[in-house]
Every structure is written in C-alpha cells, then in structure tokens.
Amino acid sequence: FNFGDNNKAIFGAGSDLQIYHDGSNSYIEDTAAGSLYIRGTGFVFLQSTTGENYFVGDSDGAATLYYDNAPKLATTATGVDVTGTLAATAVTGDGSGLTNLPSTGATAGFAVAMAIAL
C-alpha cells in the first residue's frame, strides 16, 4: 500500500486506529475510548530515524529515558536511578531512608536540611 499525504490507514469498526501523515507530521492515533498498546517480547525502543534513543523498555527489566542518547532516568528492581543533576520543585517524605549523605562541609548542612525537610 502507498498512502499519500492526509490519506489514513484506518482500522476498527469505528475507525478506532488511524495512521497517517499530514504533509508535515506523522501520526498514530487511537480515537476510541480504549488504550493504545505498543508491545514487544524483548526490548521496546522509541528512537529517532538515526537510531538515537528516547526511551528503551526491557521486558522484565528497566525502563530508561534518554537525553541526547544518554541514559538519564532508569527504573531498577529497588527504585529509580538518576544520572546527572536531579532538580525538583518539591520533595516529600521523612528522609529516614536517605543514604550516602555527606557528613562534613557545606554540602553536609544542605544534605541534613534536605533530610529534615523530607
């Protein structure tokens, strides 16, 4: 099949799934009340046309978000790993589970204040 701009590949009794290009952008659109699933048996990748990763999901493993093809946020068996600087507008919790905080210097005061604020 060869579809021109603004011609849609339409699936489902109510035109529920539509795939098309409008001349500038490409779309996969779920127009029904249900959900849109993207499935794979191993890894699922969202990439640029040059192979730069945006997102990689591993079956029974990590889900990783990338910035400029570098991993920045990854889920782990015990939580989340962040590579780089974490910036937040708010943090909640009591701070009792924080580990590896500096014990001396200016950064220690900040770390203790953060732990108390949590």
PDB file of N, CA and C in Angstrom:
ATOM      1  N   PHE A   1       0.827  -1.178   0.000  1.00  0.00           N
ATOM      2  CA  PHE A   1       0.000   0.000   0.000  1.00  0.00           C
ATOM      3  C   PHE A   1       0.869   1.239   0.000  1.00  0.00           C
ATOM      4  N   ASN A   2       0.420   2.245  -0.689  1.00  0.00           N
ATOM      5  CA  ASN A   2       1.104   3.529  -0.692  1.00  0.00           C
ATOM      6  C   ASN A   2       0.054   4.605  -0.462  1.00  0.00           C
ATOM      7  N   PHE A   3       0.184   5.296   0.649  1.00  0.00           N
ATOM      8  CA  PHE A   3      -0.777   6.329   1.009  1.00  0.00           C
ATOM      9  C   PHE A   3      -0.155   7.700   0.803  1.00  0.00           C
ATOM     10  N   GLY A   4      -0.893   8.614   0.217  1.00  0.00           N
ATOM     11  CA  GLY A   4      -0.436   9.991   0.063  1.00  0.00           C
ATOM     12  C   GLY A   4      -0.663  10.776   1.338  1.00  0.00           C
ATOM     13  N   ASP A   5      -0.209  12.024   1.351  1.00  0.00           N
ATOM     14  CA  ASP A   5      -0.431  12.894   2.499  1.00  0.00           C
ATOM     15  C   ASP A   5      -1.925  13.023   2.780  1.00  0.00           C
ATOM     16  N   ASN A   6      -2.263  13.028   4.050  1.00  0.00           N
ATOM     17  CA  ASN A   6      -3.635  13.155   4.545  1.00  0.00           C
ATOM     18  C   ASN A   6      -4.528  11.964   4.219  1.00  0.00           C
ATOM     19  N   ASN A   7      -3.979  10.877   3.653  1.00  0.00           N
ATOM     20  CA  ASN A   7      -4.724   9.629   3.487  1.00  0.00           C
ATOM     21  C   ASN A   7      -4.410   8.751   4.680  1.00  0.00           C
ATOM     22  N   LYS A   8      -5.447   8.186   5.288  1.00  0.00           N
ATOM     23  CA  LYS A   8      -5.280   7.445   6.527  1.00  0.00           C
ATOM     24  C   LYS A   8      -5.438   5.945   6.304  1.00  0.00           C
ATOM     25  N   ALA A   9      -4.586   5.152   6.981  1.00  0.00           N
ATOM     26  CA  ALA A   9      -4.839   3.730   7.135  1.00  0.00           C
ATOM     27  C   ALA A   9      -5.720   3.643   8.372  1.00  0.00           C
ATOM     28  N   ILE A  10      -6.940   3.135   8.195  1.00  0.00           N
ATOM     29  CA  ILE A  10      -7.932   3.136   9.267  1.00  0.00           C
ATOM     30  C   ILE A  10      -8.279   1.705   9.624  1.00  0.00           C
ATOM     31  N   PHE A  11      -8.295   1.428  10.940  1.00  0.00           N
ATOM     32  CA  PHE A  11      -8.567   0.098  11.450  1.00  0.00           C
ATOM     33  C   PHE A  11      -9.686   0.166  12.477  1.00  0.00           C
ATOM     34  N   GLY A  12     -10.487  -0.887  12.588  1.00  0.00           N
ATOM     35  CA  GLY A  12     -11.555  -0.967  13.577  1.00  0.00           C
ATOM     36  C   GLY A  12     -12.889  -0.551  13.006  1.00  0.00           C
ATOM     37  N   ALA A  13     -13.958  -1.087  13.599  1.00  0.00           N
ATOM     38  CA  ALA A  13     -15.319  -0.829  13.112  1.00  0.00           C
ATOM     39  C   ALA A  13     -15.685   0.651  13.196  1.00  0.00           C
ATOM     40  N   GLY A  14     -15.162   1.355  14.164  1.00  0.00           N
ATOM     41  CA  GLY A  14     -15.481   2.780  14.321  1.00  0.00           C
ATOM     42  C   GLY A  14     -14.315   3.677  13.962  1.00  0.00           C
ATOM     43  N   SER A  15     -13.438   3.220  13.055  1.00  0.00           N
ATOM     44  CA  SER A  15     -12.237   3.987  12.681  1.00  0.00           C
ATOM     45  C   SER A  15     -11.378   4.269  13.901  1.00  0.00           C
ATOM     46  N   ASP A  16     -11.258   3.270  14.784  1.00  0.00           N
ATOM     47  CA  ASP A  16     -10.621   3.457  16.085  1.00  0.00           C
ATOM     48  C   ASP A  16      -9.128   3.764  16.012  1.00  0.00           C
ATOM     49  N   LEU A  17      -8.424   3.154  15.062  1.00  0.00           N
ATOM     50  CA  LEU A  17      -6.980   3.362  14.952  1.00  0.00           C
ATOM     51  C   LEU A  17      -6.679   3.952  13.588  1.00  0.00           C
ATOM     52  N   GLN A  18      -5.944   5.053  13.585  1.00  0.00           N
ATOM     53  CA  GLN A  18      -5.616   5.734  12.338  1.00  0.00           C
ATOM     54  C   GLN A  18      -4.121   6.013  12.287  1.00  0.00           C
ATOM     55  N   ILE A  19      -3.518   5.728  11.141  1.00  0.00           N
ATOM     56  CA  ILE A  19      -2.104   6.002  10.909  1.00  0.00           C
ATOM     57  C   ILE A  19      -2.034   6.858   9.653  1.00  0.00           C
ATOM     58  N   TYR A  20      -1.383   8.023   9.784  1.00  0.00           N
ATOM     59  CA  TYR A  20      -1.354   8.917   8.626  1.00  0.00           C
ATOM     60  C   TYR A  20      -0.237   9.951   8.739  1.00  0.00           C
ATOM     61  N   HIS A  21      -0.023  10.633   7.623  1.00  0.00           N
ATOM     62  CA  HIS A  21       0.942  11.728   7.519  1.00  0.00           C
ATOM     63  C   HIS A  21       0.201  12.925   6.939  1.00  0.00           C
ATOM     64  N   ASP A  22       0.350  14.093   7.550  1.00  0.00           N
ATOM     65  CA  ASP A  22      -0.402  15.270   7.093  1.00  0.00           C
ATOM     66  C   ASP A  22       0.390  16.182   6.172  1.00  0.00           C
ATOM     67  N   GLY A  23       1.531  15.730   5.702  1.00  0.00           N
ATOM     68  CA  GLY A  23       2.387  16.559   4.856  1.00  0.00           C
ATOM     69  C   GLY A  23       3.564  17.123   5.632  1.00  0.00           C
ATOM     70  N   SER A  24       3.406  17.239   6.955  1.00  0.00           N
ATOM     71  CA  SER A  24       4.485  17.745   7.809  1.00  0.00           C
ATOM     72  C   SER A  24       4.825  16.779   8.937  1.00  0.00           C
ATOM     73  N   ASN A  25       3.805  16.152   9.527  1.00  0.00           N
ATOM     74  CA  ASN A  25       3.982  15.295  10.691  1.00  0.00           C
ATOM     75  C   ASN A  25       3.308  13.949  10.474  1.00  0.00           C
ATOM     76  N   SER A  26       3.791  12.933  11.201  1.00  0.00           N
ATOM     77  CA  SER A  26       3.216  11.599  11.127  1.00  0.00           C
ATOM     78  C   SER A  26       2.502  11.280  12.433  1.00  0.00           C
ATOM     79  N   TYR A  27       1.411  10.500  12.338  1.00  0.00           N
ATOM     80  CA  TYR A  27       0.568  10.229  13.489  1.00  0.00           C
ATOM     81  C   TYR A  27       0.181   8.757  13.574  1.00  0.00           C
ATOM     82  N   ILE A  28       0.120   8.237  14.788  1.00  0.00           N
ATOM     83  CA  ILE A  28      -0.575   7.005  15.122  1.00  0.00           C
ATOM     84  C   ILE A  28      -1.601   7.446  16.158  1.00  0.00           C
ATOM     85  N   GLU A  29      -2.865   7.362  15.805  1.00  0.00           N
ATOM     86  CA  GLU A  29      -3.910   7.963  16.625  1.00  0.00           C
ATOM     87  C   GLU A  29      -4.947   6.927  17.019  1.00  0.00           C
ATOM     88  N   ASP A  30      -5.192   6.793  18.326  1.00  0.00           N
ATOM     89  CA  ASP A  30      -6.250   5.935  18.844  1.00  0.00           C
ATOM     90  C   ASP A  30      -7.422   6.837  19.185  1.00  0.00           C
ATOM     91  N   THR A  31      -8.494   6.748  18.415  1.00  0.00           N
ATOM     92  CA  THR A  31      -9.620   7.662  18.585  1.00  0.00           C
ATOM     93  C   THR A  31     -10.744   7.069  19.420  1.00  0.00           C
ATOM     94  N   ALA A  32     -10.570   5.856  19.923  1.00  0.00           N
ATOM     95  CA  ALA A  32     -11.624   5.189  20.703  1.00  0.00           C
ATOM     96  C   ALA A  32     -11.417   5.434  22.189  1.00  0.00           C
ATOM     97  N   ALA A  33     -12.321   4.893  22.978  1.00  0.00           N
ATOM     98  CA  ALA A  33     -12.252   5.050  24.433  1.00  0.00           C
ATOM     99  C   ALA A  33     -11.205   4.128  25.061  1.00  0.00           C
ATOM    100  N   GLY A  34     -10.700   3.169  24.314  1.00  0.00           N
ATOM    101  CA  GLY A  34      -9.729   2.222  24.854  1.00  0.00           C
ATOM    102  C   GLY A  34      -8.341   2.808  24.940  1.00  0.00           C
ATOM    103  N   SER A  35      -7.372   1.949  25.190  1.00  0.00           N
ATOM    104  CA  SER A  35      -5.969   2.346  25.334  1.00  0.00           C
ATOM    105  C   SER A  35      -5.177   1.932  24.108  1.00  0.00           C
ATOM    106  N   LEU A  36      -4.034   2.555  23.906  1.00  0.00           N
ATOM    107  CA  LEU A  36      -3.127   2.221  22.816  1.00  0.00           C
ATOM    108  C   LEU A  36      -1.936   1.485  23.412  1.00  0.00           C
ATOM    109  N   TYR A  37      -1.692   0.265  22.954  1.00  0.00           N
ATOM    110  CA  TYR A  37      -0.588  -0.555  23.446  1.00  0.00           C
ATOM    111  C   TYR A  37       0.473  -0.678  22.364  1.00  0.00           C
ATOM    112  N   ILE A  38       1.729  -0.561  22.774  1.00  0.00           N
ATOM    113  CA  ILE A  38       2.867  -0.870  21.915  1.00  0.00           C
ATOM    114  C   ILE A  38       3.591  -2.003  22.616  1.00  0.00           C
ATOM    115  N   ARG A  39       3.674  -3.154  21.954  1.00  0.00           N
ATOM    116  CA  ARG A  39       4.195  -4.341  22.628  1.00  0.00           C
ATOM    117  C   ARG A  39       5.398  -4.929  21.912  1.00  0.00           C
ATOM    118  N   GLY A  40       6.282  -5.521  22.695  1.00  0.00           N
ATOM    119  CA  GLY A  40       7.426  -6.245  22.168  1.00  0.00           C
ATOM    120  C   GLY A  40       7.801  -7.357  23.130  1.00  0.00           C
ATOM    121  N   THR A  41       8.440  -8.403  22.641  1.00  0.00           N
ATOM    122  CA  THR A  41       8.787  -9.532  23.505  1.00  0.00           C
ATOM    123  C   THR A  41      10.127  -9.343  24.201  1.00  0.00           C
ATOM    124  N   GLY A  42      10.955  -8.465  23.740  1.00  0.00           N
ATOM    125  CA  GLY A  42      12.246  -8.205  24.372  1.00  0.00           C
ATOM    126  C   GLY A  42      12.321  -6.748  24.766  1.00  0.00           C
ATOM    127  N   PHE A  43      12.994  -5.978  23.952  1.00  0.00           N
ATOM    128  CA  PHE A  43      13.118  -4.540  24.179  1.00  0.00           C
ATOM    129  C   PHE A  43      12.103  -3.788  23.326  1.00  0.00           C
ATOM    130  N   VAL A  44      11.642  -2.651  23.827  1.00  0.00           N
ATOM    131  CA  VAL A  44      10.824  -1.724  23.053  1.00  0.00           C
ATOM    132  C   VAL A  44      11.607  -0.416  22.999  1.00  0.00           C
ATOM    133  N   PHE A  45      11.826   0.084  21.802  1.00  0.00           N
ATOM    134  CA  PHE A  45      12.607   1.301  21.597  1.00  0.00           C
ATOM    135  C   PHE A  45      11.740   2.407  21.004  1.00  0.00           C
ATOM    136  N   LEU A  46      11.918   3.626  21.475  1.00  0.00           N
ATOM    137  CA  LEU A  46      11.458   4.829  20.782  1.00  0.00           C
ATOM    138  C   LEU A  46      12.732   5.556  20.394  1.00  0.00           C
ATOM    139  N   GLN A  47      12.936   5.732  19.093  1.00  0.00           N
ATOM    140  CA  GLN A  47      14.192   6.285  18.592  1.00  0.00           C
ATOM    141  C   GLN A  47      13.947   7.301  17.488  1.00  0.00           C
ATOM    142  N   SER A  48      14.970   8.117  17.247  1.00  0.00           N
ATOM    143  CA  SER A  48      14.979   8.987  16.081  1.00  0.00           C
ATOM    144  C   SER A  48      15.288   8.143  14.847  1.00  0.00           C
ATOM    145  N   THR A  49      15.188   8.724  13.680  1.00  0.00           N
ATOM    146  CA  THR A  49      15.496   7.989  12.457  1.00  0.00           C
ATOM    147  C   THR A  49      16.977   7.652  12.351  1.00  0.00           C
ATOM    148  N   THR A  50      17.817   8.302  13.155  1.00  0.00           N
ATOM    149  CA  THR A  50      19.249   7.996  13.156  1.00  0.00           C
ATOM    150  C   THR A  50      19.616   6.957  14.211  1.00  0.00           C
ATOM    151  N   GLY A  51      18.619   6.458  14.966  1.00  0.00           N
ATOM    152  CA  GLY A  51      18.877   5.449  15.986  1.00  0.00           C
ATOM    153  C   GLY A  51      19.149   6.011  17.366  1.00  0.00           C
ATOM    154  N   GLU A  52      18.996   7.317  17.544  1.00  0.00           N
ATOM    155  CA  GLU A  52      19.186   7.913  18.868  1.00  0.00           C
ATOM    156  C   GLU A  52      18.025   7.503  19.767  1.00  0.00           C
ATOM    157  N   ASN A  53      18.329   6.964  20.939  1.00  0.00           N
ATOM    158  CA  ASN A  53      17.291   6.518  21.863  1.00  0.00           C
ATOM    159  C   ASN A  53      16.614   7.680  22.563  1.00  0.00           C
ATOM    160  N   TYR A  54      15.292   7.587  22.675  1.00  0.00           N
ATOM    161  CA  TYR A  54      14.495   8.468  23.524  1.00  0.00           C
ATOM    162  C   TYR A  54      14.049   7.690  24.757  1.00  0.00           C
ATOM    163  N   PHE A  55      13.610   6.427  24.505  1.00  0.00           N
ATOM    164  CA  PHE A  55      13.111   5.532  25.552  1.00  0.00           C
ATOM    165  C   PHE A  55      13.460   4.101  25.167  1.00  0.00           C
ATOM    166  N   VAL A  56      13.869   3.311  26.164  1.00  0.00           N
ATOM    167  CA  VAL A  56      14.081   1.881  25.958  1.00  0.00           C
ATOM    168  C   VAL A  56      13.425   1.161  27.128  1.00  0.00           C
ATOM    169  N   GLY A  57      12.544   0.220  26.809  1.00  0.00           N
ATOM    170  CA  GLY A  57      11.915  -0.620  27.822  1.00  0.00           C
ATOM    171  C   GLY A  57      12.365  -2.053  27.626  1.00  0.00           C
ATOM    172  N   ASP A  58      12.811  -2.687  28.689  1.00  0.00           N
ATOM    173  CA  ASP A  58      13.290  -4.063  28.647  1.00  0.00           C
ATOM    174  C   ASP A  58      12.252  -4.956  29.311  1.00  0.00           C
ATOM    175  N   SER A  59      11.793  -5.990  28.607  1.00  0.00           N
ATOM    176  CA  SER A  59      10.833  -6.920  29.176  1.00  0.00           C
ATOM    177  C   SER A  59      11.411  -7.509  30.465  1.00  0.00           C
ATOM    178  N   ASP A  60      10.660  -7.426  31.548  1.00  0.00           N
ATOM    179  CA  ASP A  60      11.095  -7.897  32.873  1.00  0.00           C
ATOM    180  C   ASP A  60      12.345  -7.176  33.355  1.00  0.00           C
ATOM    181  N   GLY A  61      12.551  -5.932  32.933  1.00  0.00           N
ATOM    182  CA  GLY A  61      13.734  -5.185  33.342  1.00  0.00           C
ATOM    183  C   GLY A  61      13.466  -3.703  33.404  1.00  0.00           C
ATOM    184  N   ALA A  62      14.502  -2.940  33.169  1.00  0.00           N
ATOM    185  CA  ALA A  62      14.461  -1.481  33.320  1.00  0.00           C
ATOM    186  C   ALA A  62      13.688  -0.795  32.206  1.00  0.00           C
ATOM    187  N   ALA A  63      13.147   0.355  32.534  1.00  0.00           N
ATOM    188  CA  ALA A  63      12.627   1.310  31.564  1.00  0.00           C
ATOM    189  C   ALA A  63      13.529   2.536  31.700  1.00  0.00           C
ATOM    190  N   THR A  64      14.107   2.994  30.590  1.00  0.00           N
ATOM    191  CA  THR A  64      15.105   4.054  30.649  1.00  0.00           C
ATOM    192  C   THR A  64      14.721   5.204  29.735  1.00  0.00           C
ATOM    193  N   LEU A  65      14.786   6.431  30.261  1.00  0.00           N
ATOM    194  CA  LEU A  65      14.599   7.653  29.483  1.00  0.00           C
ATOM    195  C   LEU A  65      15.967   8.237  29.155  1.00  0.00           C
ATOM    196  N   TYR A  66      16.096   8.775  27.966  1.00  0.00           N
ATOM    197  CA  TYR A  66      17.375   9.300  27.478  1.00  0.00           C
ATOM    198  C   TYR A  66      17.269  10.778  27.160  1.00  0.00           C
ATOM    199  N   TYR A  67      18.395  11.467  27.267  1.00  0.00           N
ATOM    200  CA  TYR A  67      18.548  12.842  26.787  1.00  0.00           C
ATOM    201  C   TYR A  67      19.774  12.849  25.889  1.00  0.00           C
ATOM    202  N   ASP A  68      19.590  13.222  24.644  1.00  0.00           N
ATOM    203  CA  ASP A  68      20.694  13.254  23.677  1.00  0.00           C
ATOM    204  C   ASP A  68      21.415  11.900  23.643  1.00  0.00           C
ATOM    205  N   ASN A  69      20.627  10.827  23.640  1.00  0.00           N
ATOM    206  CA  ASN A  69      21.090   9.446  23.554  1.00  0.00           C
ATOM    207  C   ASN A  69      21.864   8.981  24.787  1.00  0.00           C
ATOM    208  N   ALA A  70      21.820   9.733  25.876  1.00  0.00           N
ATOM    209  CA  ALA A  70      22.487   9.340  27.122  1.00  0.00           C
ATOM    210  C   ALA A  70      21.418   8.983  28.158  1.00  0.00           C
ATOM    211  N   PRO A  71      21.529   7.818  28.826  1.00  0.00           N
ATOM    212  CA  PRO A  71      20.525   7.444  29.827  1.00  0.00           C
ATOM    213  C   PRO A  71      20.528   8.430  30.992  1.00  0.00           C
ATOM    214  N   LYS A  72      19.329   8.885  31.376  1.00  0.00           N
ATOM    215  CA  LYS A  72      19.209   9.850  32.464  1.00  0.00           C
ATOM    216  C   LYS A  72      18.354   9.347  33.615  1.00  0.00           C
ATOM    217  N   LEU A  73      17.295   8.577  33.326  1.00  0.00           N
ATOM    218  CA  LEU A  73      16.428   8.062  34.373  1.00  0.00           C
ATOM    219  C   LEU A  73      16.092   6.617  34.040  1.00  0.00           C
ATOM    220  N   ALA A  74      16.388   5.717  34.964  1.00  0.00           N
ATOM    221  CA  ALA A  74      16.149   4.295  34.728  1.00  0.00           C
ATOM    222  C   ALA A  74      15.494   3.665  35.945  1.00  0.00           C
ATOM    223  N   THR A  75      14.489   2.844  35.702  1.00  0.00           N
ATOM    224  CA  THR A  75      13.896   2.098  36.801  1.00  0.00           C
ATOM    225  C   THR A  75      14.796   0.918  37.134  1.00  0.00           C
ATOM    226  N   THR A  76      14.789   0.537  38.395  1.00  0.00           N
ATOM    227  CA  THR A  76      15.582  -0.608  38.860  1.00  0.00           C
ATOM    228  C   THR A  76      14.676  -1.501  39.709  1.00  0.00           C
ATOM    229  N   ALA A  77      15.192  -2.625  40.137  1.00  0.00           N
ATOM    230  CA  ALA A  77      14.429  -3.530  40.995  1.00  0.00           C
ATOM    231  C   ALA A  77      14.087  -2.885  42.331  1.00  0.00           C
ATOM    232  N   THR A  78      14.875  -1.892  42.751  1.00  0.00           N
ATOM    233  CA  THR A  78      14.647  -1.263  44.056  1.00  0.00           C
ATOM    234  C   THR A  78      14.148   0.173  43.977  1.00  0.00           C
ATOM    235  N   GLY A  79      14.005   0.735  42.780  1.00  0.00           N
ATOM    236  CA  GLY A  79      13.543   2.115  42.661  1.00  0.00           C
ATOM    237  C   GLY A  79      13.916   2.733  41.341  1.00  0.00           C
ATOM    238  N   VAL A  80      14.602   3.879  41.400  1.00  0.00           N
ATOM    239  CA  VAL A  80      14.958   4.641  40.212  1.00  0.00           C
ATOM    240  C   VAL A  80      16.384   5.143  40.339  1.00  0.00           C
ATOM    241  N   ASP A  81      17.147   5.077  39.266  1.00  0.00           N
ATOM    242  CA  ASP A  81      18.475   5.675  39.204  1.00  0.00           C
ATOM    243  C   ASP A  81      18.414   6.912  38.315  1.00  0.00           C
ATOM    244  N   VAL A  82      18.980   8.006  38.794  1.00  0.00           N
ATOM    245  CA  VAL A  82      19.058   9.244  38.030  1.00  0.00           C
ATOM    246  C   VAL A  82      20.522   9.522  37.745  1.00  0.00           C
ATOM    247  N   THR A  83      20.852   9.770  36.491  1.00  0.00           N
ATOM    248  CA  THR A  83      22.209  10.129  36.099  1.00  0.00           C
ATOM    249  C   THR A  83      22.223  11.620  35.805  1.00  0.00           C
ATOM    250  N   GLY A  84      23.037  12.367  36.509  1.00  0.00           N
ATOM    251  CA  GLY A  84      23.075  13.817  36.340  1.00  0.00           C
ATOM    252  C   GLY A  84      22.479  14.493  37.557  1.00  0.00           C
ATOM    253  N   THR A  85      22.075  15.717  37.398  1.00  0.00           N
ATOM    254  CA  THR A  85      21.531  16.514  38.489  1.00  0.00           C
ATOM    255  C   THR A  85      20.030  16.346  38.554  1.00  0.00           C
ATOM    256  N   LEU A  86      19.510  16.097  39.747  1.00  0.00           N
ATOM    257  CA  LEU A  86      18.077  15.998  39.959  1.00  0.00           C
ATOM    258  C   LEU A  86      17.573  17.350  40.434  1.00  0.00           C
ATOM    259  N   ALA A  87      16.646  17.932  39.706  1.00  0.00           N
ATOM    260  CA  ALA A  87      16.032  19.198  40.097  1.00  0.00           C
ATOM    261  C   ALA A  87      14.560  18.933  40.363  1.00  0.00           C
ATOM    262  N   ALA A  88      14.060  19.405  41.487  1.00  0.00           N
ATOM    263  CA  ALA A  88      12.661  19.184  41.848  1.00  0.00           C
ATOM    264  C   ALA A  88      12.079  20.453  42.434  1.00  0.00           C
ATOM    265  N   THR A  89      10.797  20.662  42.212  1.00  0.00           N
ATOM    266  CA  THR A  89      10.127  21.811  42.814  1.00  0.00           C
ATOM    267  C   THR A  89       9.611  21.473  44.204  1.00  0.00           C
ATOM    268  N   ALA A  90       9.474  20.178  44.502  1.00  0.00           N
ATOM    269  CA  ALA A  90       9.042  19.747  45.833  1.00  0.00           C
ATOM    270  C   ALA A  90       9.499  18.318  46.059  1.00  0.00           C
ATOM    271  N   VAL A  91       9.772  17.987  47.318  1.00  0.00           N
ATOM    272  CA  VAL A  91      10.151  16.641  47.723  1.00  0.00           C
ATOM    273  C   VAL A  91       9.367  16.340  48.987  1.00  0.00           C
ATOM    274  N   THR A  92       8.832  15.123  49.083  1.00  0.00           N
ATOM    275  CA  THR A  92       8.092  14.752  50.291  1.00  0.00           C
ATOM    276  C   THR A  92       8.670  13.482  50.893  1.00  0.00           C
ATOM    277  N   GLY A  93       8.350  13.227  52.143  1.00  0.00           N
ATOM    278  CA  GLY A  93       8.842  12.057  52.864  1.00  0.00           C
ATOM    279  C   GLY A  93       9.518  12.498  54.145  1.00  0.00           C
ATOM    280  N   ASP A  94       9.932  11.538  54.975  1.00  0.00           N
ATOM    281  CA  ASP A  94      10.554  11.908  56.246  1.00  0.00           C
ATOM    282  C   ASP A  94      12.080  11.866  56.203  1.00  0.00           C
ATOM    283  N   GLY A  95      12.660  11.398  55.098  1.00  0.00           N
ATOM    284  CA  GLY A  95      14.111  11.374  54.963  1.00  0.00           C
ATOM    285  C   GLY A  95      14.796  10.239  55.687  1.00  0.00           C
ATOM    286  N   SER A  96      14.047   9.366  56.358  1.00  0.00           N
ATOM    287  CA  SER A  96      14.664   8.318  57.161  1.00  0.00           C
ATOM    288  C   SER A  96      15.399   7.276  56.331  1.00  0.00           C
ATOM    289  N   GLY A  97      15.067   7.139  55.052  1.00  0.00           N
ATOM    290  CA  GLY A  97      15.728   6.132  54.228  1.00  0.00           C
ATOM    291  C   GLY A  97      16.851   6.670  53.374  1.00  0.00           C
ATOM    292  N   LEU A  98      17.223   7.944  53.556  1.00  0.00           N
ATOM    293  CA  LEU A  98      18.294   8.523  52.742  1.00  0.00           C
ATOM    294  C   LEU A  98      19.641   7.941  53.145  1.00  0.00           C
ATOM    295  N   THR A  99      20.458   7.621  52.166  1.00  0.00           N
ATOM    296  CA  THR A  99      21.789   7.067  52.427  1.00  0.00           C
ATOM    297  C   THR A  99      22.830   7.832  51.640  1.00  0.00           C
ATOM    298  N   ASN A 100      24.102   7.625  51.991  1.00  0.00           N
ATOM    299  CA  ASN A 100      25.250   8.224  51.300  1.00  0.00           C
ATOM    300  C   ASN A 100      25.237   9.750  51.317  1.00  0.00           C
ATOM    301  N   LEU A 101      24.748  10.345  52.394  1.00  0.00           N
ATOM    302  CA  LEU A 101      24.785  11.795  52.528  1.00  0.00           C
ATOM    303  C   LEU A 101      26.147  12.201  53.079  1.00  0.00           C
ATOM    304  N   PRO A 102      26.681  13.335  52.614  1.00  0.00           N
ATOM    305  CA  PRO A 102      27.985  13.772  53.147  1.00  0.00           C
ATOM    306  C   PRO A 102      27.865  14.107  54.634  1.00  0.00           C
ATOM    307  N   SER A 103      28.946  13.836  55.389  1.00  0.00           N
ATOM    308  CA  SER A 103      28.904  14.044  56.838  1.00  0.00           C
ATOM    309  C   SER A 103      29.571  15.339  57.285  1.00  0.00           C
ATOM    310  N   THR A 104      30.330  16.015  56.395  1.00  0.00           N
ATOM    311  CA  THR A 104      31.011  17.252  56.782  1.00  0.00           C
ATOM    312  C   THR A 104      30.911  18.269  55.660  1.00  0.00           C
ATOM    313  N   GLY A 105      31.199  19.536  55.999  1.00  0.00           N
ATOM    314  CA  GLY A 105      31.270  20.594  54.993  1.00  0.00           C
ATOM    315  C   GLY A 105      29.910  21.194  54.689  1.00  0.00           C
ATOM    316  N   ALA A 106      29.922  22.149  53.772  1.00  0.00           N
ATOM    317  CA  ALA A 106      28.710  22.874  53.407  1.00  0.00           C
ATOM    318  C   ALA A 106      27.657  21.941  52.821  1.00  0.00           C
ATOM    319  N   THR A 107      28.102  20.948  52.048  1.00  0.00           N
ATOM    320  CA  THR A 107      27.138  20.038  51.451  1.00  0.00           C
ATOM    321  C   THR A 107      26.464  19.182  52.507  1.00  0.00           C
ATOM    322  N   ALA A 108      27.142  18.937  53.632  1.00  0.00           N
ATOM    323  CA  ALA A 108      26.530  18.153  54.696  1.00  0.00           C
ATOM    324  C   ALA A 108      25.377  18.907  55.297  1.00  0.00           C
ATOM    325  N   GLY A 109      25.556  20.209  55.533  1.00  0.00           N
ATOM    326  CA  GLY A 109      24.471  21.037  56.064  1.00  0.00           C
ATOM    327  C   GLY A 109      23.272  21.036  55.144  1.00  0.00           C
ATOM    328  N   PHE A 110      23.526  21.108  53.848  1.00  0.00           N
ATOM    329  CA  PHE A 110      22.449  21.074  52.879  1.00  0.00           C
ATOM    330  C   PHE A 110      21.767  19.716  52.908  1.00  0.00           C
ATOM    331  N   ALA A 111      22.563  18.642  52.968  1.00  0.00           N
ATOM    332  CA  ALA A 111      22.014  17.286  52.979  1.00  0.00           C
ATOM    333  C   ALA A 111      21.161  17.068  54.219  1.00  0.00           C
ATOM    334  N   VAL A 112      21.618  17.530  55.367  1.00  0.00           N
ATOM    335  CA  VAL A 112      20.862  17.382  56.606  1.00  0.00           C
ATOM    336  C   VAL A 112      19.574  18.200  56.507  1.00  0.00           C
ATOM    337  N   ALA A 113      19.672  19.423  55.993  1.00  0.00           N
ATOM    338  CA  ALA A 113      18.464  20.250  55.840  1.00  0.00           C
ATOM    339  C   ALA A 113      17.475  19.573  54.910  1.00  0.00           C
ATOM    340  N   MET A 114      17.962  18.959  53.841  1.00  0.00           N
ATOM    341  CA  MET A 114      17.092  18.256  52.921  1.00  0.00           C
ATOM    342  C   MET A 114      16.435  17.065  53.626  1.00  0.00           C
ATOM    343  N   ALA A 115      17.208  16.332  54.419  1.00  0.00           N
ATOM    344  CA  ALA A 115      16.669  15.173  55.114  1.00  0.00           C
ATOM    345  C   ALA A 115      15.586  15.606  56.101  1.00  0.00           C
ATOM    346  N   ILE A 116      15.806  16.725  56.784  1.00  0.00           N
ATOM    347  CA  ILE A 116      14.810  17.230  57.732  1.00  0.00           C
ATOM    348  C   ILE A 116      13.573  17.708  56.983  1.00  0.00           C
ATOM    349  N   ALA A 117      13.778  18.381  55.843  1.00  0.00           N
ATOM    350  CA  ALA A 117      12.646  18.875  55.050  1.00  0.00           C
ATOM    351  C   ALA A 117      11.810  17.725  54.508  1.00  0.00           C
ATOM    352  N   LEU A 118      12.462  16.598  54.232  1.00  0.00           N
ATOM    353  CA  LEU A 118      11.718  15.450  53.723  1.00  0.00           C
ATOM    354  C   LEU A 118      10.840  14.898  54.805  1.00  0.00           C
TER     355      LEU A 118
END
